[in-house]
Amino acid sequence: MLKRILIGAAVLAMAGAANAAEMNKCDDATMTMVMKEVEAAPAANKEMAMKEFAMAKEKMAAKMMDDCSKHLDAASTAAMKK
C-alpha cells in the first residue's frame, strides 16, 4: 500500500515538473490557459493574478519572453493560491 502511494506521488511530481516546464513558454496557447485560470480564481486572488497577467501581456508585446514567462508563472500561482 505504501509503495503504491509513493509511486503515485512520484508520478504526480514528474507530471508537475513537466507542466512547469511547459508553463515557461510565453505563447498564445499558454496565455489563454493562464487567462482561464485567472478568470476562475477566487475573488481574493483575482486582483494580484490579473496584475501579473497584465504584466505578462506587456512583456510579450515587448518581446521580453523571459520576463513574460515569469509573470505568467506568477499569475498562475496567484490564481491557484488557497
C-alpha atoms as a PDB file:
ATOM      1  CA  MET A   1       0.000   0.000   0.000  1.00  0.00           C
ATOM      2  CA  LEU A   2       2.738   2.464   0.961  1.00  0.00           C
ATOM      3  CA  LYS A   3       4.663   1.524  -2.165  1.00  0.00           C
ATOM      4  CA  ARG A   4       1.660   2.446  -4.347  1.00  0.00           C
ATOM      5  CA  ILE A   5       1.286   5.779  -2.585  1.00  0.00           C
ATOM      6  CA  LEU A   6       4.959   6.597  -3.092  1.00  0.00           C
ATOM      7  CA  ILE A   7       4.819   5.625  -6.749  1.00  0.00           C
ATOM      8  CA  GLY A   8       1.714   7.760  -7.214  1.00  0.00           C
ATOM      9  CA  ALA A   9       3.400  10.717  -5.552  1.00  0.00           C
ATOM     10  CA  ALA A  10       6.462  10.307  -7.768  1.00  0.00           C
ATOM     11  CA  VAL A  11       4.320  10.226 -10.904  1.00  0.00           C
ATOM     12  CA  LEU A  12       2.471  13.373  -9.812  1.00  0.00           C
ATOM     13  CA  ALA A  13       5.744  15.134  -9.070  1.00  0.00           C
ATOM     14  CA  MET A  14       7.081  14.310 -12.524  1.00  0.00           C
ATOM     15  CA  ALA A  15       3.846  15.486 -14.147  1.00  0.00           C
ATOM     16  CA  GLY A  16       4.058  18.718 -12.186  1.00  0.00           C
ATOM     17  CA  ALA A  17       7.637  19.269 -13.327  1.00  0.00           C
ATOM     18  CA  ALA A  18       6.627  18.663 -16.934  1.00  0.00           C
ATOM     19  CA  ASN A  19       3.751  21.129 -16.543  1.00  0.00           C
ATOM     20  CA  ALA A  20       6.085  23.706 -15.005  1.00  0.00           C
ATOM     21  CA  ALA A  21       8.453  23.366 -17.956  1.00  0.00           C
ATOM     22  CA  GLU A  22       5.519  23.847 -20.303  1.00  0.00           C
ATOM     23  CA  MET A  23       4.421  26.903 -18.358  1.00  0.00           C
ATOM     24  CA  ASN A  24       7.672  28.670 -19.141  1.00  0.00           C
ATOM     25  CA  LYS A  25       6.588  29.246 -22.733  1.00  0.00           C
ATOM     26  CA  CYS A  26       5.292  32.687 -23.493  1.00  0.00           C
ATOM     27  CA  ASP A  27       2.916  31.999 -26.361  1.00  0.00           C
ATOM     28  CA  ASP A  28      -0.736  32.455 -27.217  1.00  0.00           C
ATOM     29  CA  ALA A  29      -1.736  28.976 -26.019  1.00  0.00           C
ATOM     30  CA  THR A  30      -0.145  29.485 -22.606  1.00  0.00           C
ATOM     31  CA  MET A  31      -1.604  32.977 -22.321  1.00  0.00           C
ATOM     32  CA  THR A  32      -5.066  31.555 -22.985  1.00  0.00           C
ATOM     33  CA  MET A  33      -4.584  28.787 -20.426  1.00  0.00           C
ATOM     34  CA  VAL A  34      -3.394  31.197 -17.733  1.00  0.00           C
ATOM     35  CA  MET A  35      -6.210  33.644 -18.503  1.00  0.00           C
ATOM     36  CA  LYS A  36      -8.725  30.849 -17.854  1.00  0.00           C
ATOM     37  CA  GLU A  37      -7.018  30.141 -14.522  1.00  0.00           C
ATOM     38  CA  VAL A  38      -7.134  33.837 -13.612  1.00  0.00           C
ATOM     39  CA  GLU A  39     -10.809  34.122 -14.555  1.00  0.00           C
ATOM     40  CA  ALA A  40     -11.616  31.116 -12.366  1.00  0.00           C
ATOM     41  CA  ALA A  41      -9.571  32.385  -9.411  1.00  0.00           C
ATOM     42  CA  PRO A  42     -11.251  33.153  -6.092  1.00  0.00           C
ATOM     43  CA  ALA A  43     -12.035  36.843  -5.631  1.00  0.00           C
ATOM     44  CA  ALA A  44      -9.295  37.208  -3.008  1.00  0.00           C
ATOM     45  CA  ASN A  45      -6.638  36.117  -5.531  1.00  0.00           C
ATOM     46  CA  LYS A  46      -8.001  37.648  -8.702  1.00  0.00           C
ATOM     47  CA  GLU A  47      -6.553  41.167  -8.349  1.00  0.00           C
ATOM     48  CA  MET A  48      -2.945  40.015  -7.976  1.00  0.00           C
ATOM     49  CA  ALA A  49      -3.360  37.383 -10.692  1.00  0.00           C
ATOM     50  CA  MET A  50      -4.783  39.995 -13.081  1.00  0.00           C
ATOM     51  CA  LYS A  51      -1.872  42.367 -12.383  1.00  0.00           C
ATOM     52  CA  GLU A  52       0.665  39.644 -13.120  1.00  0.00           C
ATOM     53  CA  PHE A  53      -1.214  38.607 -16.255  1.00  0.00           C
ATOM     54  CA  ALA A  54      -1.293  42.204 -17.494  1.00  0.00           C
ATOM     55  CA  MET A  55       2.461  42.459 -16.939  1.00  0.00           C
ATOM     56  CA  ALA A  56       2.951  39.220 -18.883  1.00  0.00           C
ATOM     57  CA  LYS A  57       0.974  40.659 -21.806  1.00  0.00           C
ATOM     58  CA  GLU A  58       3.099  43.817 -21.758  1.00  0.00           C
ATOM     59  CA  LYS A  59       6.323  41.807 -21.723  1.00  0.00           C
ATOM     60  CA  MET A  60       5.074  39.567 -24.543  1.00  0.00           C
ATOM     61  CA  ALA A  61       4.252  42.624 -26.672  1.00  0.00           C
ATOM     62  CA  ALA A  62       7.756  43.958 -25.967  1.00  0.00           C
ATOM     63  CA  LYS A  63       9.265  40.584 -26.988  1.00  0.00           C
ATOM     64  CA  MET A  64      10.701  40.112 -23.485  1.00  0.00           C
ATOM     65  CA  MET A  65       9.874  36.415 -23.313  1.00  0.00           C
ATOM     66  CA  ASP A  66      11.792  35.537 -20.140  1.00  0.00           C
ATOM     67  CA  ASP A  67      10.038  38.286 -18.202  1.00  0.00           C
ATOM     68  CA  CYS A  68       6.726  37.292 -19.779  1.00  0.00           C
ATOM     69  CA  SER A  69       7.204  33.716 -18.583  1.00  0.00           C
ATOM     70  CA  LYS A  70       7.971  34.857 -15.055  1.00  0.00           C
ATOM     71  CA  HIS A  71       4.812  36.953 -14.921  1.00  0.00           C
ATOM     72  CA  LEU A  72       2.734  34.117 -16.382  1.00  0.00           C
ATOM     73  CA  ASP A  73       4.037  31.792 -13.686  1.00  0.00           C
ATOM     74  CA  ALA A  74       3.278  34.405 -11.032  1.00  0.00           C
ATOM     75  CA  ALA A  75      -0.242  34.926 -12.401  1.00  0.00           C
ATOM     76  CA  SER A  76      -0.917  31.208 -12.394  1.00  0.00           C
ATOM     77  CA  THR A  77       0.461  30.817  -8.879  1.00  0.00           C
ATOM     78  CA  ALA A  78      -1.572  33.759  -7.591  1.00  0.00           C
ATOM     79  CA  ALA A  79      -4.745  32.387  -9.192  1.00  0.00           C
ATOM     80  CA  MET A  80      -4.280  28.975  -7.625  1.00  0.00           C
ATOM     81  CA  LYS A  81      -3.477  30.091  -4.063  1.00  0.00           C
ATOM     82  CA  LYS A  82      -5.908  28.928  -1.434  1.00  0.00           C
END
